[in-house]
Amino acid sequence: MEPDTRQKDQSGPIRYPAKIQPKPPTAFRVAAELIAPGCGCRRLVPLFQGRVPHHRIADWLSGYSPTPQWAIDLLRQHVEQDAAAKIRAIDQIKTGQGSAKAGAYALARWRASRR
């Protein structure tokens, strides 16, 4: 049996391309994340009142096609309504002094148990 006299490949290790950096999110995607975090295009269809199919929303999310003004207006309206509802909920919180005496009593009792 003859020895193997073939030359080995001297090109070195296989070089893979560097990791591809993802594109920054589009403004539409940022706004959609404010409305529904982790949302997909199918979850946004009811927001647009069925006026647009899910694949068009996917195009807007990716930046493939520009977002029409009516869609931007619907997003703005939804965010404003949501913010108003949250502000109303905060305004309904009743103010009070709380029970500082109970907290002080519990702290004193705990300190006494450590001695």
N, C-alpha and C. Protein backbone atom coordinates (compact mmCIF):
# COMPACT_ATOMS: atom_id res chain seq x y z
N MET A 1 0.85 -1.16 0.00
CA MET A 1 0.00 0.00 0.00
C MET A 1 0.90 1.23 0.00
N GLU A 2 0.59 2.16 -0.89
CA GLU A 2 1.43 3.36 -1.02
C GLU A 2 1.00 4.43 -0.02
N PRO A 3 1.97 5.20 0.49
CA PRO A 3 1.61 6.27 1.41
C PRO A 3 0.87 7.39 0.69
N ASP A 4 0.06 8.13 1.42
CA ASP A 4 -0.72 9.23 0.85
C ASP A 4 0.21 10.42 0.65
N THR A 5 0.43 10.80 -0.60
CA THR A 5 1.35 11.89 -0.90
C THR A 5 0.63 13.17 -1.33
N ARG A 6 -0.69 13.19 -1.19
CA ARG A 6 -1.43 14.39 -1.60
C ARG A 6 -1.14 15.55 -0.66
N GLN A 7 -1.12 16.75 -1.20
CA GLN A 7 -0.92 17.96 -0.40
C GLN A 7 -2.19 18.28 0.38
N LYS A 8 -2.03 18.65 1.63
CA LYS A 8 -3.17 19.07 2.42
C LYS A 8 -3.54 20.50 2.05
N ASP A 9 -4.80 20.82 2.19
CA ASP A 9 -5.27 22.17 1.88
C ASP A 9 -4.67 23.14 2.89
N GLN A 10 -3.94 24.13 2.41
CA GLN A 10 -3.26 25.09 3.27
C GLN A 10 -4.04 26.40 3.42
N SER A 11 -5.31 26.42 3.02
CA SER A 11 -6.07 27.67 3.05
C SER A 11 -6.46 28.08 4.47
N GLY A 12 -6.37 27.23 5.43
CA GLY A 12 -6.71 27.59 6.80
C GLY A 12 -8.14 27.21 7.13
N PRO A 13 -8.59 27.65 8.28
CA PRO A 13 -9.95 27.29 8.71
C PRO A 13 -11.00 27.99 7.85
N ILE A 14 -12.15 27.39 7.85
CA ILE A 14 -13.25 27.99 7.11
C ILE A 14 -13.68 29.25 7.84
N ARG A 15 -13.79 30.32 7.11
CA ARG A 15 -14.18 31.60 7.72
C ARG A 15 -15.64 31.87 7.42
N TYR A 16 -16.41 31.98 8.47
CA TYR A 16 -17.82 32.27 8.33
C TYR A 16 -18.02 33.79 8.41
N PRO A 17 -19.07 34.29 7.77
CA PRO A 17 -19.28 35.74 7.84
C PRO A 17 -19.60 36.17 9.27
N ALA A 18 -19.27 37.40 9.57
CA ALA A 18 -19.56 37.94 10.89
C ALA A 18 -21.07 37.92 11.12
N LYS A 19 -21.46 37.97 12.37
CA LYS A 19 -22.89 37.97 12.67
C LYS A 19 -23.54 39.18 12.02
N ILE A 20 -24.66 38.93 11.42
CA ILE A 20 -25.38 40.01 10.77
C ILE A 20 -26.10 40.82 11.83
N GLN A 21 -25.86 42.12 11.83
CA GLN A 21 -26.50 42.99 12.80
C GLN A 21 -27.94 43.25 12.37
N PRO A 22 -28.89 43.12 13.29
CA PRO A 22 -30.28 43.37 12.93
C PRO A 22 -30.51 44.86 12.68
N LYS A 23 -31.50 45.14 11.84
CA LYS A 23 -31.84 46.53 11.58
C LYS A 23 -32.48 47.12 12.83
N PRO A 24 -32.31 48.42 13.03
CA PRO A 24 -33.02 49.03 14.16
C PRO A 24 -34.53 48.97 13.90
N PRO A 25 -35.33 48.92 14.96
CA PRO A 25 -36.78 48.82 14.76
C PRO A 25 -37.34 50.08 14.11
N THR A 26 -38.36 49.88 13.32
CA THR A 26 -39.01 51.02 12.67
C THR A 26 -39.86 51.77 13.68
N ALA A 27 -40.21 53.00 13.35
CA ALA A 27 -41.04 53.81 14.24
C ALA A 27 -42.40 53.15 14.44
N PHE A 28 -42.93 52.53 13.40
CA PHE A 28 -44.21 51.84 13.51
C PHE A 28 -44.11 50.67 14.49
N ARG A 29 -43.01 49.93 14.44
CA ARG A 29 -42.82 48.80 15.36
C ARG A 29 -42.72 49.29 16.79
N VAL A 30 -42.03 50.39 17.02
CA VAL A 30 -41.90 50.94 18.37
C VAL A 30 -43.28 51.34 18.90
N ALA A 31 -44.08 52.01 18.05
CA ALA A 31 -45.43 52.41 18.46
C ALA A 31 -46.31 51.19 18.73
N ALA A 32 -46.19 50.16 17.90
CA ALA A 32 -46.98 48.94 18.09
C ALA A 32 -46.58 48.24 19.38
N GLU A 33 -45.30 48.27 19.73
CA GLU A 33 -44.85 47.66 20.98
C GLU A 33 -45.41 48.39 22.19
N LEU A 34 -45.64 49.70 22.07
CA LEU A 34 -46.25 50.45 23.16
C LEU A 34 -47.69 50.00 23.38
N ILE A 35 -48.37 49.69 22.31
CA ILE A 35 -49.77 49.28 22.39
C ILE A 35 -49.89 47.85 22.89
N ALA A 36 -49.14 46.96 22.27
CA ALA A 36 -49.21 45.54 22.64
C ALA A 36 -47.80 44.95 22.59
N PRO A 37 -47.11 44.89 23.73
CA PRO A 37 -45.75 44.35 23.74
C PRO A 37 -45.69 42.93 23.18
N GLY A 38 -44.72 42.69 22.33
CA GLY A 38 -44.56 41.38 21.72
C GLY A 38 -45.64 41.04 20.71
N CYS A 39 -46.27 42.06 20.20
CA CYS A 39 -47.41 41.83 19.31
C CYS A 39 -46.94 41.34 17.94
N GLY A 40 -47.80 40.59 17.32
CA GLY A 40 -47.58 40.17 15.95
C GLY A 40 -48.55 40.90 15.06
N CYS A 41 -48.35 40.76 13.78
CA CYS A 41 -49.20 41.51 12.86
C CYS A 41 -50.66 41.05 12.94
N ARG A 42 -50.91 39.79 13.25
CA ARG A 42 -52.30 39.31 13.33
C ARG A 42 -53.04 39.91 14.53
N ARG A 43 -52.32 40.21 15.62
CA ARG A 43 -52.97 40.81 16.78
C ARG A 43 -53.31 42.27 16.54
N LEU A 44 -52.69 42.90 15.56
CA LEU A 44 -52.95 44.30 15.28
C LEU A 44 -54.09 44.52 14.29
N VAL A 45 -54.55 43.48 13.63
CA VAL A 45 -55.64 43.62 12.63
C VAL A 45 -56.90 44.22 13.25
N PRO A 46 -57.36 43.77 14.42
CA PRO A 46 -58.57 44.39 15.00
C PRO A 46 -58.37 45.87 15.35
N LEU A 47 -57.15 46.25 15.67
CA LEU A 47 -56.88 47.65 15.98
C LEU A 47 -57.17 48.55 14.78
N PHE A 48 -56.91 48.04 13.60
CA PHE A 48 -57.15 48.80 12.37
C PHE A 48 -58.54 48.53 11.80
N GLN A 49 -59.41 47.96 12.61
CA GLN A 49 -60.82 47.76 12.30
C GLN A 49 -61.03 46.94 11.02
N GLY A 50 -60.12 46.00 10.76
CA GLY A 50 -60.26 45.13 9.60
C GLY A 50 -60.06 45.82 8.26
N ARG A 51 -59.51 47.01 8.27
CA ARG A 51 -59.32 47.76 7.02
C ARG A 51 -58.09 47.31 6.25
N VAL A 52 -57.27 46.47 6.86
CA VAL A 52 -56.01 46.08 6.23
C VAL A 52 -55.70 44.63 6.61
N PRO A 53 -55.18 43.83 5.67
CA PRO A 53 -54.83 42.45 6.01
C PRO A 53 -53.53 42.39 6.82
N HIS A 54 -53.32 41.27 7.47
CA HIS A 54 -52.17 41.13 8.36
C HIS A 54 -50.85 41.24 7.63
N HIS A 55 -50.79 40.81 6.38
CA HIS A 55 -49.50 40.88 5.68
C HIS A 55 -49.10 42.32 5.37
N ARG A 56 -50.07 43.21 5.25
CA ARG A 56 -49.74 44.63 5.04
C ARG A 56 -49.19 45.22 6.34
N ILE A 57 -49.75 44.81 7.48
CA ILE A 57 -49.23 45.28 8.76
C ILE A 57 -47.81 44.77 8.97
N ALA A 58 -47.54 43.54 8.53
CA ALA A 58 -46.18 43.01 8.61
C ALA A 58 -45.22 43.85 7.77
N ASP A 59 -45.68 44.32 6.63
CA ASP A 59 -44.85 45.21 5.80
C ASP A 59 -44.55 46.51 6.52
N TRP A 60 -45.55 47.05 7.22
CA TRP A 60 -45.33 48.30 7.98
C TRP A 60 -44.36 48.07 9.13
N LEU A 61 -44.52 46.93 9.83
CA LEU A 61 -43.65 46.63 10.96
C LEU A 61 -42.20 46.49 10.53
N SER A 62 -41.98 45.89 9.38
CA SER A 62 -40.62 45.66 8.91
C SER A 62 -40.04 46.87 8.19
N GLY A 63 -40.89 47.83 7.84
CA GLY A 63 -40.41 49.00 7.11
C GLY A 63 -40.36 48.77 5.61
N TYR A 64 -40.94 47.67 5.16
CA TYR A 64 -40.92 47.36 3.73
C TYR A 64 -41.76 48.34 2.93
N SER A 65 -42.87 48.76 3.51
CA SER A 65 -43.71 49.75 2.84
C SER A 65 -44.10 50.83 3.85
N PRO A 66 -44.34 52.05 3.37
CA PRO A 66 -44.66 53.15 4.29
C PRO A 66 -46.05 53.00 4.90
N THR A 67 -46.20 53.50 6.10
CA THR A 67 -47.47 53.44 6.81
C THR A 67 -48.35 54.60 6.36
N PRO A 68 -49.60 54.33 5.97
CA PRO A 68 -50.49 55.43 5.57
C PRO A 68 -50.91 56.30 6.76
N GLN A 69 -51.32 57.50 6.46
CA GLN A 69 -51.67 58.45 7.50
C GLN A 69 -52.86 57.99 8.34
N TRP A 70 -53.85 57.35 7.71
CA TRP A 70 -55.02 56.91 8.47
C TRP A 70 -54.62 55.89 9.53
N ALA A 71 -53.62 55.04 9.23
CA ALA A 71 -53.17 54.04 10.20
C ALA A 71 -52.44 54.71 11.36
N ILE A 72 -51.67 55.74 11.04
CA ILE A 72 -50.98 56.49 12.09
C ILE A 72 -52.00 57.17 12.99
N ASP A 73 -53.05 57.73 12.39
CA ASP A 73 -54.10 58.40 13.17
C ASP A 73 -54.82 57.40 14.09
N LEU A 74 -55.07 56.19 13.61
CA LEU A 74 -55.71 55.17 14.45
C LEU A 74 -54.80 54.76 15.62
N LEU A 75 -53.51 54.63 15.36
CA LEU A 75 -52.56 54.32 16.43
C LEU A 75 -52.57 55.43 17.49
N ARG A 76 -52.52 56.67 17.02
CA ARG A 76 -52.51 57.81 17.94
C ARG A 76 -53.78 57.83 18.79
N GLN A 77 -54.92 57.60 18.15
CA GLN A 77 -56.20 57.60 18.85
C GLN A 77 -56.23 56.51 19.92
N HIS A 78 -55.73 55.33 19.57
CA HIS A 78 -55.72 54.22 20.52
C HIS A 78 -54.82 54.53 21.72
N VAL A 79 -53.65 55.08 21.47
CA VAL A 79 -52.72 55.41 22.55
C VAL A 79 -53.30 56.49 23.46
N GLU A 80 -53.94 57.50 22.86
CA GLU A 80 -54.54 58.57 23.65
C GLU A 80 -55.67 58.05 24.53
N GLN A 81 -56.51 57.14 24.00
CA GLN A 81 -57.59 56.57 24.79
C GLN A 81 -57.04 55.72 25.93
N ASP A 82 -55.99 54.96 25.64
CA ASP A 82 -55.38 54.11 26.65
C ASP A 82 -54.76 54.96 27.76
N ALA A 83 -54.08 56.03 27.37
CA ALA A 83 -53.45 56.91 28.36
C ALA A 83 -54.52 57.59 29.22
N ALA A 84 -55.61 58.02 28.59
CA ALA A 84 -56.68 58.68 29.35
C ALA A 84 -57.30 57.72 30.36
N ALA A 85 -57.47 56.46 29.98
CA ALA A 85 -58.04 55.47 30.90
C ALA A 85 -57.09 55.23 32.07
N LYS A 86 -55.80 55.20 31.81
CA LYS A 86 -54.83 55.00 32.89
C LYS A 86 -54.80 56.20 33.84
N ILE A 87 -54.90 57.39 33.29
CA ILE A 87 -54.91 58.59 34.13
C ILE A 87 -56.16 58.62 34.99
N ARG A 88 -57.32 58.23 34.43
CA ARG A 88 -58.55 58.17 35.23
C ARG A 88 -58.41 57.18 36.37
N ALA A 89 -57.76 56.05 36.11
CA ALA A 89 -57.58 55.04 37.16
C ALA A 89 -56.68 55.58 38.27
N ILE A 90 -55.65 56.33 37.91
CA ILE A 90 -54.76 56.91 38.91
C ILE A 90 -55.48 57.98 39.72
N ASP A 91 -56.32 58.76 39.05
CA ASP A 91 -57.06 59.81 39.75
C ASP A 91 -58.06 59.26 40.76
N GLN A 92 -58.48 58.02 40.62
CA GLN A 92 -59.44 57.42 41.55
C GLN A 92 -58.79 56.90 42.83
N ILE A 93 -57.47 56.94 42.90
CA ILE A 93 -56.78 56.47 44.10
C ILE A 93 -57.04 57.47 45.22
N LYS A 94 -57.47 56.97 46.36
CA LYS A 94 -57.75 57.84 47.51
C LYS A 94 -56.47 58.07 48.29
N THR A 95 -56.30 59.29 48.74
CA THR A 95 -55.11 59.62 49.52
C THR A 95 -55.38 59.35 50.99
N GLY A 96 -54.33 59.16 51.72
CA GLY A 96 -54.45 58.92 53.16
C GLY A 96 -53.08 58.91 53.79
N GLN A 97 -53.06 58.93 55.10
CA GLN A 97 -51.78 58.95 55.81
C GLN A 97 -51.21 57.56 56.00
N GLY A 98 -52.03 56.57 55.91
CA GLY A 98 -51.54 55.23 56.15
C GLY A 98 -51.50 54.93 57.64
N SER A 99 -50.93 53.83 58.01
CA SER A 99 -50.88 53.44 59.43
C SER A 99 -49.43 53.45 59.88
N ALA A 100 -48.91 54.62 60.10
CA ALA A 100 -47.53 54.75 60.55
C ALA A 100 -47.34 54.16 61.94
N LYS A 101 -48.38 54.26 62.80
CA LYS A 101 -48.28 53.72 64.15
C LYS A 101 -48.11 52.21 64.12
N ALA A 102 -48.85 51.55 63.23
CA ALA A 102 -48.75 50.09 63.15
C ALA A 102 -47.36 49.68 62.69
N GLY A 103 -46.79 50.41 61.75
CA GLY A 103 -45.45 50.09 61.27
C GLY A 103 -44.41 50.30 62.36
N ALA A 104 -44.53 51.39 63.10
CA ALA A 104 -43.60 51.67 64.18
C ALA A 104 -43.73 50.62 65.29
N TYR A 105 -44.95 50.21 65.59
CA TYR A 105 -45.17 49.20 66.62
C TYR A 105 -44.54 47.87 66.20
N ALA A 106 -44.74 47.48 64.93
CA ALA A 106 -44.17 46.22 64.44
C ALA A 106 -42.64 46.27 64.47
N LEU A 107 -42.06 47.41 64.11
CA LEU A 107 -40.61 47.54 64.13
C LEU A 107 -40.08 47.44 65.56
N ALA A 108 -40.76 48.11 66.50
CA ALA A 108 -40.32 48.04 67.90
C ALA A 108 -40.43 46.62 68.44
N ARG A 109 -41.48 45.91 68.09
CA ARG A 109 -41.65 44.54 68.53
C ARG A 109 -40.56 43.63 67.95
N TRP A 110 -40.21 43.86 66.68
CA TRP A 110 -39.16 43.06 66.05
C TRP A 110 -37.81 43.33 66.71
N ARG A 111 -37.51 44.60 66.98
CA ARG A 111 -36.25 44.94 67.63
C ARG A 111 -36.17 44.32 69.01
N ALA A 112 -37.29 44.32 69.73
CA ALA A 112 -37.30 43.74 71.08
C ALA A 112 -37.07 42.23 71.03
N SER A 113 -37.53 41.60 69.95
CA SER A 113 -37.34 40.14 69.85
C SER A 113 -35.89 39.77 69.55
N ARG A 114 -35.10 40.71 69.08
CA ARG A 114 -33.70 40.45 68.73
C ARG A 114 -32.76 40.63 69.91
N ARG A 115 -33.25 41.20 70.99
CA ARG A 115 -32.38 41.44 72.16
C ARG A 115 -32.28 40.26 73.04
